[in-house]
Amino acid sequence: MEDNIVKEKSYQFALRIVKLYQYLNVEKKEYVLSKQILRSGTSIGANIREAQHAQSRKDFLSKTNIALKEANETDYWLDLLYDAKYIEQSAYLSIKEDITELLKLLISIVKTLKNTTK
């Protein structure tokens, strides 16, 4: 059940990131940082999707751990975009809530997997 929740949340998050990327390109004429957050923000869900068809439990853990790293990187780019004044506080707080939730879910999954694979 938990992997279905994280799959859906990561997909919805990726859609938000695509819209943020479009906004940054069209409205703010920002092309470098927006590309970074697009790459890492959409990679979270892609790695979760890959993990669903992992060849082994170890492979599942590896793909999920990569998704966690991408989520952490996305959180960094999000903070940077906000602090550089490319996104407004209300938009930042809304998407920050989503990435924080994804990070918590992924941390929980990775910890659980690490404890059960020992």
C-alpha atoms as a PDB file:
ATOM      1  CA  MET A   1       0.000   0.000   0.000  1.00  0.00           C
ATOM      2  CA  GLU A   2       2.720   2.465   0.964  1.00  0.00           C
ATOM      3  CA  ASP A   3       4.518   2.125  -2.378  1.00  0.00           C
ATOM      4  CA  ASN A   4       1.236   2.986  -4.173  1.00  0.00           C
ATOM      5  CA  ILE A   5       0.906   6.146  -2.098  1.00  0.00           C
ATOM      6  CA  VAL A   6       4.466   7.194  -2.838  1.00  0.00           C
ATOM      7  CA  LYS A   7       3.982   6.337  -6.527  1.00  0.00           C
ATOM      8  CA  GLU A   8       0.899   8.574  -6.777  1.00  0.00           C
ATOM      9  CA  LYS A   9       2.370  11.414  -4.714  1.00  0.00           C
ATOM     10  CA  SER A  10       5.618  11.397  -6.694  1.00  0.00           C
ATOM     11  CA  TYR A  11       3.693  11.498  -9.972  1.00  0.00           C
ATOM     12  CA  GLN A  12       1.533  14.418  -8.821  1.00  0.00           C
ATOM     13  CA  PHE A  13       4.671  16.145  -7.558  1.00  0.00           C
ATOM     14  CA  ALA A  14       6.348  15.661 -10.952  1.00  0.00           C
ATOM     15  CA  LEU A  15       3.377  17.359 -12.611  1.00  0.00           C
ATOM     16  CA  ARG A  16       3.774  20.319 -10.258  1.00  0.00           C
ATOM     17  CA  ILE A  17       7.480  20.465 -11.079  1.00  0.00           C
ATOM     18  CA  VAL A  18       6.761  20.493 -14.828  1.00  0.00           C
ATOM     19  CA  LYS A  19       4.360  23.412 -14.289  1.00  0.00           C
ATOM     20  CA  LEU A  20       6.947  25.198 -12.138  1.00  0.00           C
ATOM     21  CA  TYR A  21       9.534  24.675 -14.881  1.00  0.00           C
ATOM     22  CA  GLN A  22       7.171  26.159 -17.469  1.00  0.00           C
ATOM     23  CA  TYR A  23       6.456  29.144 -15.213  1.00  0.00           C
ATOM     24  CA  LEU A  24      10.147  29.777 -14.560  1.00  0.00           C
ATOM     25  CA  ASN A  25      10.946  29.638 -18.273  1.00  0.00           C
ATOM     26  CA  VAL A  26       8.062  31.762 -19.540  1.00  0.00           C
ATOM     27  CA  GLU A  27       7.516  34.252 -16.727  1.00  0.00           C
ATOM     28  CA  LYS A  28      10.943  34.544 -15.119  1.00  0.00           C
ATOM     29  CA  LYS A  29      13.171  33.721 -18.102  1.00  0.00           C
ATOM     30  CA  GLU A  30      15.147  31.409 -15.825  1.00  0.00           C
ATOM     31  CA  TYR A  31      16.675  28.479 -17.708  1.00  0.00           C
ATOM     32  CA  VAL A  32      19.494  26.955 -15.636  1.00  0.00           C
ATOM     33  CA  LEU A  33      18.043  26.357 -12.171  1.00  0.00           C
ATOM     34  CA  SER A  34      14.671  25.453 -13.655  1.00  0.00           C
ATOM     35  CA  LYS A  35      16.306  22.679 -15.680  1.00  0.00           C
ATOM     36  CA  GLN A  36      17.948  21.315 -12.531  1.00  0.00           C
ATOM     37  CA  ILE A  37      14.700  21.138 -10.562  1.00  0.00           C
ATOM     38  CA  LEU A  38      12.891  19.671 -13.575  1.00  0.00           C
ATOM     39  CA  ARG A  39      15.454  16.886 -13.837  1.00  0.00           C
ATOM     40  CA  SER A  40      15.601  15.987 -10.155  1.00  0.00           C
ATOM     41  CA  GLY A  41      11.901  16.583  -9.439  1.00  0.00           C
ATOM     42  CA  THR A  42      10.689  14.284 -12.193  1.00  0.00           C
ATOM     43  CA  SER A  43      13.376  11.702 -11.470  1.00  0.00           C
ATOM     44  CA  ILE A  44      11.817  10.897  -8.084  1.00  0.00           C
ATOM     45  CA  GLY A  45       8.747   9.290  -9.613  1.00  0.00           C
ATOM     46  CA  ALA A  46      10.727   7.693 -12.427  1.00  0.00           C
ATOM     47  CA  ASN A  47      12.931   5.881  -9.914  1.00  0.00           C
ATOM     48  CA  ILE A  48       9.933   4.820  -7.850  1.00  0.00           C
ATOM     49  CA  ARG A  49       8.355   3.429 -11.011  1.00  0.00           C
ATOM     50  CA  GLU A  50      11.596   1.559 -11.802  1.00  0.00           C
ATOM     51  CA  ALA A  51      11.683   0.164  -8.265  1.00  0.00           C
ATOM     52  CA  GLN A  52       8.279  -1.447  -8.800  1.00  0.00           C
ATOM     53  CA  HIS A  53       9.866  -3.760 -11.349  1.00  0.00           C
ATOM     54  CA  ALA A  54      13.108  -4.327  -9.511  1.00  0.00           C
ATOM     55  CA  GLN A  55      14.863  -7.643 -10.042  1.00  0.00           C
ATOM     56  CA  SER A  56      15.433  -8.177  -6.342  1.00  0.00           C
ATOM     57  CA  ARG A  57      14.839  -6.671  -2.925  1.00  0.00           C
ATOM     58  CA  LYS A  58      18.336  -5.180  -3.062  1.00  0.00           C
ATOM     59  CA  ASP A  59      17.562  -3.609  -6.452  1.00  0.00           C
ATOM     60  CA  PHE A  60      14.272  -2.230  -5.044  1.00  0.00           C
ATOM     61  CA  LEU A  61      16.184  -0.668  -2.140  1.00  0.00           C
ATOM     62  CA  SER A  62      18.746   0.822  -4.517  1.00  0.00           C
ATOM     63  CA  LYS A  63      16.119   2.430  -6.782  1.00  0.00           C
ATOM     64  CA  THR A  64      14.151   3.730  -3.796  1.00  0.00           C
ATOM     65  CA  ASN A  65      17.328   5.160  -2.306  1.00  0.00           C
ATOM     66  CA  ILE A  66      18.049   6.953  -5.597  1.00  0.00           C
ATOM     67  CA  ALA A  67      14.520   8.418  -5.475  1.00  0.00           C
ATOM     68  CA  LEU A  68      15.285   9.647  -1.947  1.00  0.00           C
ATOM     69  CA  LYS A  69      18.502  11.306  -3.120  1.00  0.00           C
ATOM     70  CA  GLU A  70      16.665  12.987  -5.998  1.00  0.00           C
ATOM     71  CA  ALA A  71      13.984  14.225  -3.582  1.00  0.00           C
ATOM     72  CA  ASN A  72      16.671  15.691  -1.352  1.00  0.00           C
ATOM     73  CA  GLU A  73      18.291  17.394  -4.346  1.00  0.00           C
ATOM     74  CA  THR A  74      14.912  18.755  -5.455  1.00  0.00           C
ATOM     75  CA  ASP A  75      14.402  20.191  -1.980  1.00  0.00           C
ATOM     76  CA  TYR A  76      17.738  21.998  -2.359  1.00  0.00           C
ATOM     77  CA  TRP A  77      16.828  23.514  -5.746  1.00  0.00           C
ATOM     78  CA  LEU A  78      13.444  24.549  -4.407  1.00  0.00           C
ATOM     79  CA  ASP A  79      15.042  26.393  -1.480  1.00  0.00           C
ATOM     80  CA  LEU A  80      17.529  28.045  -3.825  1.00  0.00           C
ATOM     81  CA  LEU A  81      14.811  29.206  -6.231  1.00  0.00           C
ATOM     82  CA  TYR A  82      12.833  30.668  -3.345  1.00  0.00           C
ATOM     83  CA  ASP A  83      15.815  32.396  -1.736  1.00  0.00           C
ATOM     84  CA  ALA A  84      16.828  33.792  -5.136  1.00  0.00           C
ATOM     85  CA  LYS A  85      13.299  35.236  -5.388  1.00  0.00           C
ATOM     86  CA  TYR A  86      12.232  33.265  -8.459  1.00  0.00           C
ATOM     87  CA  ILE A  87       9.137  31.880  -6.724  1.00  0.00           C
ATOM     88  CA  GLU A  88       6.676  33.518  -4.361  1.00  0.00           C
ATOM     89  CA  GLN A  89       6.281  32.428  -0.750  1.00  0.00           C
ATOM     90  CA  SER A  90       2.808  30.910  -1.185  1.00  0.00           C
ATOM     91  CA  ALA A  91       3.916  28.721  -4.104  1.00  0.00           C
ATOM     92  CA  TYR A  92       7.109  27.801  -2.282  1.00  0.00           C
ATOM     93  CA  LEU A  93       5.318  26.779   0.915  1.00  0.00           C
ATOM     94  CA  SER A  94       2.814  24.676  -1.012  1.00  0.00           C
ATOM     95  CA  ILE A  95       5.393  22.734  -3.001  1.00  0.00           C
ATOM     96  CA  LYS A  96       7.736  22.586   0.008  1.00  0.00           C
ATOM     97  CA  GLU A  97       4.997  20.753   1.893  1.00  0.00           C
ATOM     98  CA  ASP A  98       4.789  18.200  -0.931  1.00  0.00           C
ATOM     99  CA  ILE A  99       8.528  17.538  -1.109  1.00  0.00           C
ATOM    100  CA  THR A 100       8.747  17.277   2.683  1.00  0.00           C
ATOM    101  CA  GLU A 101       5.986  14.659   2.644  1.00  0.00           C
ATOM    102  CA  LEU A 102       7.734  12.720  -0.131  1.00  0.00           C
ATOM    103  CA  LEU A 103      11.016  12.844   1.760  1.00  0.00           C
ATOM    104  CA  LYS A 104       9.351  11.469   4.900  1.00  0.00           C
ATOM    105  CA  LEU A 105       7.712   8.646   2.952  1.00  0.00           C
ATOM    106  CA  LEU A 106      10.919   7.719   1.155  1.00  0.00           C
ATOM    107  CA  ILE A 107      13.009   7.853   4.343  1.00  0.00           C
ATOM    108  CA  SER A 108      10.507   5.558   6.024  1.00  0.00           C
ATOM    109  CA  ILE A 109      10.547   3.080   3.130  1.00  0.00           C
ATOM    110  CA  VAL A 110      14.356   3.048   2.898  1.00  0.00           C
ATOM    111  CA  LYS A 111      14.766   2.596   6.673  1.00  0.00           C
ATOM    112  CA  THR A 112      12.237  -0.231   6.718  1.00  0.00           C
ATOM    113  CA  LEU A 113      13.902  -1.961   3.781  1.00  0.00           C
ATOM    114  CA  LYS A 114      17.363  -1.617   5.296  1.00  0.00           C
ATOM    115  CA  ASN A 115      16.152  -3.100   8.589  1.00  0.00           C
ATOM    116  CA  THR A 116      14.477  -6.071   6.898  1.00  0.00           C
ATOM    117  CA  THR A 117      17.318  -6.898   4.496  1.00  0.00           C
ATOM    118  CA  LYS A 118      19.949  -7.311   7.213  1.00  0.00           C
END
